[in-house]
PDB file of N, CA and C in Angstrom:
ATOM      1  N   MET A   1      59.836  72.227   2.527  1.00  0.00           N
ATOM      2  CA  MET A   1      58.413  72.416   2.385  1.00  0.00           C
ATOM      3  C   MET A   1      57.639  72.028   3.652  1.00  0.00           C
ATOM      4  N   ASP A   2      58.200  71.169   4.457  1.00  0.00           N
ATOM      5  CA  ASP A   2      57.520  70.725   5.663  1.00  0.00           C
ATOM      6  C   ASP A   2      57.326  71.874   6.636  1.00  0.00           C
ATOM      7  N   HIS A   3      58.299  72.763   6.736  1.00  0.00           N
ATOM      8  CA  HIS A   3      58.183  73.911   7.635  1.00  0.00           C
ATOM      9  C   HIS A   3      57.137  74.899   7.143  1.00  0.00           C
ATOM     10  N   PHE A   4      56.986  75.008   5.850  1.00  0.00           N
ATOM     11  CA  PHE A   4      55.983  75.904   5.279  1.00  0.00           C
ATOM     12  C   PHE A   4      54.575  75.458   5.690  1.00  0.00           C
ATOM     13  N   THR A   5      54.333  74.171   5.743  1.00  0.00           N
ATOM     14  CA  THR A   5      53.029  73.644   6.151  1.00  0.00           C
ATOM     15  C   THR A   5      52.720  74.035   7.592  1.00  0.00           C
ATOM     16  N   PHE A   6      53.732  73.912   8.459  1.00  0.00           N
ATOM     17  CA  PHE A   6      53.534  74.316   9.849  1.00  0.00           C
ATOM     18  C   PHE A   6      53.279  75.818   9.962  1.00  0.00           C
ATOM     19  N   LEU A   7      53.967  76.604   9.149  1.00  0.00           N
ATOM     20  CA  LEU A   7      53.780  78.055   9.165  1.00  0.00           C
ATOM     21  C   LEU A   7      52.359  78.414   8.757  1.00  0.00           C
ATOM     22  N   VAL A   8      51.864  77.796   7.686  1.00  0.00           N
ATOM     23  CA  VAL A   8      50.500  78.060   7.222  1.00  0.00           C
ATOM     24  C   VAL A   8      49.489  77.611   8.283  1.00  0.00           C
ATOM     25  N   ALA A   9      49.724  76.470   8.899  1.00  0.00           N
ATOM     26  CA  ALA A   9      48.821  75.977   9.937  1.00  0.00           C
ATOM     27  C   ALA A   9      48.809  76.923  11.137  1.00  0.00           C
ATOM     28  N   ALA A  10      49.971  77.414  11.529  1.00  0.00           N
ATOM     29  CA  ALA A  10      50.047  78.327  12.676  1.00  0.00           C
ATOM     30  C   ALA A  10      49.329  79.641  12.375  1.00  0.00           C
ATOM     31  N   TYR A  11      49.561  80.215  11.200  1.00  0.00           N
ATOM     32  CA  TYR A  11      48.887  81.461  10.843  1.00  0.00           C
ATOM     33  C   TYR A  11      47.382  81.246  10.719  1.00  0.00           C
ATOM     34  N   SER A  12      46.970  80.108  10.198  1.00  0.00           N
ATOM     35  CA  SER A  12      45.539  79.807  10.093  1.00  0.00           C
ATOM     36  C   SER A  12      44.908  79.706  11.472  1.00  0.00           C
ATOM     37  N   ALA A  13      45.574  79.031  12.386  1.00  0.00           N
ATOM     38  CA  ALA A  13      45.044  78.892  13.746  1.00  0.00           C
ATOM     39  C   ALA A  13      44.933  80.258  14.422  1.00  0.00           C
ATOM     40  N   ILE A  14      45.953  81.084  14.289  1.00  0.00           N
ATOM     41  CA  ILE A  14      45.927  82.421  14.894  1.00  0.00           C
ATOM     42  C   ILE A  14      44.810  83.258  14.281  1.00  0.00           C
ATOM     43  N   PHE A  15      44.653  83.188  12.968  1.00  0.00           N
ATOM     44  CA  PHE A  15      43.598  83.940  12.294  1.00  0.00           C
ATOM     45  C   PHE A  15      42.222  83.506  12.794  1.00  0.00           C
ATOM     46  N   ILE A  16      42.011  82.208  12.935  1.00  0.00           N
ATOM     47  CA  ILE A  16      40.721  81.695  13.407  1.00  0.00           C
ATOM     48  C   ILE A  16      40.449  82.144  14.839  1.00  0.00           C
ATOM     49  N   VAL A  17      41.459  82.088  15.692  1.00  0.00           N
ATOM     50  CA  VAL A  17      41.283  82.507  17.089  1.00  0.00           C
ATOM     51  C   VAL A  17      40.946  83.997  17.161  1.00  0.00           C
ATOM     52  N   ILE A  18      41.655  84.809  16.408  1.00  0.00           N
ATOM     53  CA  ILE A  18      41.381  86.258  16.403  1.00  0.00           C
ATOM     54  C   ILE A  18      39.990  86.532  15.847  1.00  0.00           C
ATOM     55  N   PHE A  19      39.612  85.846  14.784  1.00  0.00           N
ATOM     56  CA  PHE A  19      38.291  86.028  14.200  1.00  0.00           C
ATOM     57  C   PHE A  19      37.201  85.672  15.207  1.00  0.00           C
ATOM     58  N   LEU A  20      37.349  84.547  15.898  1.00  0.00           N
ATOM     59  CA  LEU A  20      36.356  84.146  16.891  1.00  0.00           C
ATOM     60  C   LEU A  20      36.285  85.128  18.053  1.00  0.00           C
ATOM     61  N   TYR A  21      37.417  85.656  18.469  1.00  0.00           N
ATOM     62  CA  TYR A  21      37.432  86.643  19.549  1.00  0.00           C
ATOM     63  C   TYR A  21      36.709  87.920  19.130  1.00  0.00           C
ATOM     64  N   VAL A  22      36.980  88.392  17.933  1.00  0.00           N
ATOM     65  CA  VAL A  22      36.317  89.610  17.436  1.00  0.00           C
ATOM     66  C   VAL A  22      34.819  89.370  17.306  1.00  0.00           C
ATOM     67  N   LEU A  23      34.430  88.193  16.831  1.00  0.00           N
ATOM     68  CA  LEU A  23      33.015  87.864  16.722  1.00  0.00           C
ATOM     69  C   LEU A  23      32.354  87.850  18.098  1.00  0.00           C
ATOM     70  N   PHE A  24      33.019  87.266  19.090  1.00  0.00           N
ATOM     71  CA  PHE A  24      32.488  87.237  20.449  1.00  0.00           C
ATOM     72  C   PHE A  24      32.327  88.656  21.007  1.00  0.00           C
ATOM     73  N   VAL A  25      33.332  89.491  20.849  1.00  0.00           N
ATOM     74  CA  VAL A  25      33.281  90.863  21.369  1.00  0.00           C
ATOM     75  C   VAL A  25      32.191  91.652  20.654  1.00  0.00           C
ATOM     76  N   TRP A  26      32.061  91.459  19.354  1.00  0.00           N
ATOM     77  CA  TRP A  26      31.048  92.167  18.574  1.00  0.00           C
ATOM     78  C   TRP A  26      29.642  91.796  19.057  1.00  0.00           C
ATOM     79  N   ARG A  27      29.398  90.503  19.268  1.00  0.00           N
ATOM     80  CA  ARG A  27      28.081  90.067  19.737  1.00  0.00           C
ATOM     81  C   ARG A  27      27.804  90.563  21.146  1.00  0.00           C
ATOM     82  N   ARG A  28      28.806  90.530  22.006  1.00  0.00           N
ATOM     83  CA  ARG A  28      28.629  91.011  23.385  1.00  0.00           C
ATOM     84  C   ARG A  28      28.347  92.511  23.391  1.00  0.00           C
ATOM     85  N   GLN A  29      29.035  93.246  22.528  1.00  0.00           N
ATOM     86  CA  GLN A  29      28.805  94.686  22.433  1.00  0.00           C
ATOM     87  C   GLN A  29      27.380  94.975  21.961  1.00  0.00           C
ATOM     88  N   ALA A  30      26.899  94.208  21.012  1.00  0.00           N
ATOM     89  CA  ALA A  30      25.526  94.383  20.535  1.00  0.00           C
ATOM     90  C   ALA A  30      24.523  94.101  21.652  1.00  0.00           C
ATOM     91  N   ALA A  31      24.780  93.070  22.441  1.00  0.00           N
ATOM     92  CA  ALA A  31      23.888  92.752  23.560  1.00  0.00           C
ATOM     93  C   ALA A  31      23.910  93.862  24.604  1.00  0.00           C
ATOM     94  N   LEU A  32      25.082  94.400  24.885  1.00  0.00           N
ATOM     95  CA  LEU A  32      25.182  95.486  25.867  1.00  0.00           C
ATOM     96  C   LEU A  32      24.491  96.746  25.369  1.00  0.00           C
ATOM     97  N   GLU A  33      24.607  97.033  24.079  1.00  0.00           N
ATOM     98  CA  GLU A  33      23.921  98.204  23.526  1.00  0.00           C
ATOM     99  C   GLU A  33      22.411  98.038  23.596  1.00  0.00           C
ATOM    100  N   ALA A  34      21.908  96.832  23.333  1.00  0.00           N
ATOM    101  CA  ALA A  34      20.468  96.583  23.444  1.00  0.00           C
ATOM    102  C   ALA A  34      20.000  96.746  24.889  1.00  0.00           C
ATOM    103  N   GLU A  35      20.781  96.232  25.831  1.00  0.00           N
ATOM    104  CA  GLU A  35      20.432  96.378  27.241  1.00  0.00           C
ATOM    105  C   GLU A  35      20.452  97.851  27.662  1.00  0.00           C
ATOM    106  N   LEU A  36      21.403  98.600  27.169  1.00  0.00           N
ATOM    107  CA  LEU A  36      21.480 100.025  27.479  1.00  0.00           C
ATOM    108  C   LEU A  36      20.276 100.773  26.910  1.00  0.00           C
ATOM    109  N   ARG A  37      19.861 100.433  25.696  1.00  0.00           N
ATOM    110  CA  ARG A  37      18.670 101.070  25.118  1.00  0.00           C
ATOM    111  C   ARG A  37      17.433 100.767  25.953  1.00  0.00           C
ATOM    112  N   GLU A  38      17.315  99.523  26.433  1.00  0.00           N
ATOM    113  CA  GLU A  38      16.180  99.168  27.292  1.00  0.00           C
ATOM    114  C   GLU A  38      16.204  99.976  28.594  1.00  0.00           C
ATOM    115  N   MET A  39      17.365 100.108  29.185  1.00  0.00           N
ATOM    116  CA  MET A  39      17.480 100.866  30.432  1.00  0.00           C
ATOM    117  C   MET A  39      17.171 102.339  30.200  1.00  0.00           C
ATOM    118  N   GLU A  40      17.631 102.893  29.086  1.00  0.00           N
ATOM    119  CA  GLU A  40      17.340 104.294  28.781  1.00  0.00           C
ATOM    120  C   GLU A  40      15.850 104.502  28.568  1.00  0.00           C
ATOM    121  N   ALA A  41      15.200 103.563  27.892  1.00  0.00           N
ATOM    122  CA  ALA A  41      13.755 103.668  27.675  1.00  0.00           C
ATOM    123  C   ALA A  41      13.011 103.593  29.002  1.00  0.00           C
ATOM    124  N   ARG A  42      13.419 102.683  29.868  1.00  0.00           N
ATOM    125  CA  ARG A  42      12.778 102.556  31.186  1.00  0.00           C
ATOM    126  C   ARG A  42      12.981 103.818  32.025  1.00  0.00           C
ATOM    127  N   LEU A  43      14.176 104.364  31.986  1.00  0.00           N
ATOM    128  CA  LEU A  43      14.449 105.593  32.722  1.00  0.00           C
ATOM    129  C   LEU A  43      13.609 106.739  32.188  1.00  0.00           C
ATOM    130  N   LYS A  44      13.472 106.811  30.877  1.00  0.00           N
ATOM    131  CA  LYS A  44      12.647 107.860  30.276  1.00  0.00           C
ATOM    132  C   LYS A  44      11.198 107.711  30.710  1.00  0.00           C
ATOM    133  N   GLU A  45      10.702 106.462  30.766  1.00  0.00           N
ATOM    134  CA  GLU A  45       9.340 106.225  31.243  1.00  0.00           C
ATOM    135  C   GLU A  45       9.176 106.677  32.692  1.00  0.00           C
ATOM    136  N   LEU A  46      10.149 106.374  33.521  1.00  0.00           N
ATOM    137  CA  LEU A  46      10.059 106.756  34.928  1.00  0.00           C
ATOM    138  C   LEU A  46      10.112 108.269  35.112  1.00  0.00           C
ATOM    139  N   ILE A  47      10.910 108.931  34.313  1.00  0.00           N
ATOM    140  CA  ILE A  47      11.026 110.380  34.427  1.00  0.00           C
ATOM    141  C   ILE A  47       9.758 111.067  33.942  1.00  0.00           C
ATOM    142  N   GLU A  48       9.172 110.550  32.854  1.00  0.00           N
ATOM    143  CA  GLU A  48       7.998 111.194  32.262  1.00  0.00           C
ATOM    144  C   GLU A  48       6.688 110.770  32.912  1.00  0.00           C
ATOM    145  N   ALA A  49       6.699 109.753  33.758  1.00  0.00           N
ATOM    146  CA  ALA A  49       5.471 109.269  34.384  1.00  0.00           C
ATOM    147  C   ALA A  49       4.940 110.303  35.365  1.00  0.00           C
ATOM    148  N   PRO A  50       3.616 110.452  35.420  1.00  0.00           N
ATOM    149  CA  PRO A  50       3.049 111.374  36.417  1.00  0.00           C
ATOM    150  C   PRO A  50       3.345 110.853  37.819  1.00  0.00           C
ATOM    151  N   ARG A  51       3.684 111.747  38.681  1.00  0.00           N
ATOM    152  CA  ARG A  51       4.082 111.359  40.031  1.00  0.00           C
ATOM    153  C   ARG A  51       2.955 111.612  41.022  1.00  0.00           C
ATOM    154  N   SER A  52       2.848 110.690  41.953  1.00  0.00           N
ATOM    155  CA  SER A  52       1.950 110.870  43.082  1.00  0.00           C
ATOM    156  C   SER A  52       2.626 110.236  44.283  1.00  0.00           C
ATOM    157  N   ASP A  53       2.175 110.599  45.468  1.00  0.00           N
ATOM    158  CA  ASP A  53       2.807 110.084  46.676  1.00  0.00           C
ATOM    159  C   ASP A  53       2.616 108.573  46.823  1.00  0.00           C
ATOM    160  N   GLU A  54       1.521 108.019  46.287  1.00  0.00           N
ATOM    161  CA  GLU A  54       1.292 106.593  46.409  1.00  0.00           C
ATOM    162  C   GLU A  54       2.276 105.784  45.562  1.00  0.00           C
ATOM    163  N   GLU A  55       2.721 106.329  44.454  1.00  0.00           N
ATOM    164  CA  GLU A  55       3.598 105.589  43.546  1.00  0.00           C
ATOM    165  C   GLU A  55       5.039 105.551  44.034  1.00  0.00           C
ATOM    166  N   LEU A  56       5.426 106.514  44.838  1.00  0.00           N
ATOM    167  CA  LEU A  56       6.815 106.581  45.288  1.00  0.00           C
ATOM    168  C   LEU A  56       7.035 105.627  46.441  1.00  0.00           C
ATOM    169  N   PRO A  57       8.104 104.851  46.401  1.00  0.00           N
ATOM    170  CA  PRO A  57       8.385 103.950  47.533  1.00  0.00           C
ATOM    171  C   PRO A  57       8.775 104.734  48.773  1.00  0.00           C
ATOM    172  N   SER A  58       8.372 104.218  49.916  1.00  0.00           N
ATOM    173  CA  SER A  58       8.681 104.854  51.172  1.00  0.00           C
ATOM    174  C   SER A  58      10.115 104.527  51.585  1.00  0.00           C
ATOM    175  N   ARG A  59      10.810 105.498  52.136  1.00  0.00           N
ATOM    176  CA  ARG A  59      12.176 105.272  52.597  1.00  0.00           C
ATOM    177  C   ARG A  59      12.189 104.696  54.015  1.00  0.00           C
ATOM    178  N   HIS A  60      11.102 104.884  54.734  1.00  0.00           N
ATOM    179  CA  HIS A  60      11.017 104.413  56.106  1.00  0.00           C
ATOM    180  C   HIS A  60      10.056 103.228  56.168  1.00  0.00           C
ATOM    181  N   PRO A  61      10.456 102.151  56.819  1.00  0.00           N
ATOM    182  CA  PRO A  61       9.564 100.973  56.928  1.00  0.00           C
ATOM    183  C   PRO A  61       8.387 101.189  57.827  1.00  0.00           C
TER     184      PRO A  61
END
């Protein structure tokens, strides 16, 4: 029975580590998707904004 306890402890530890990793990846993916939506919105604003020569940055100093 002593070996069974170690087996359960090992599987529990592995399960917890995998669960925490999946949770970390899931949260990071959500943050990246939010950042991508912000960038897409900003790009859409820049594309749809009326253009004039004063608003465009100069390439020559």
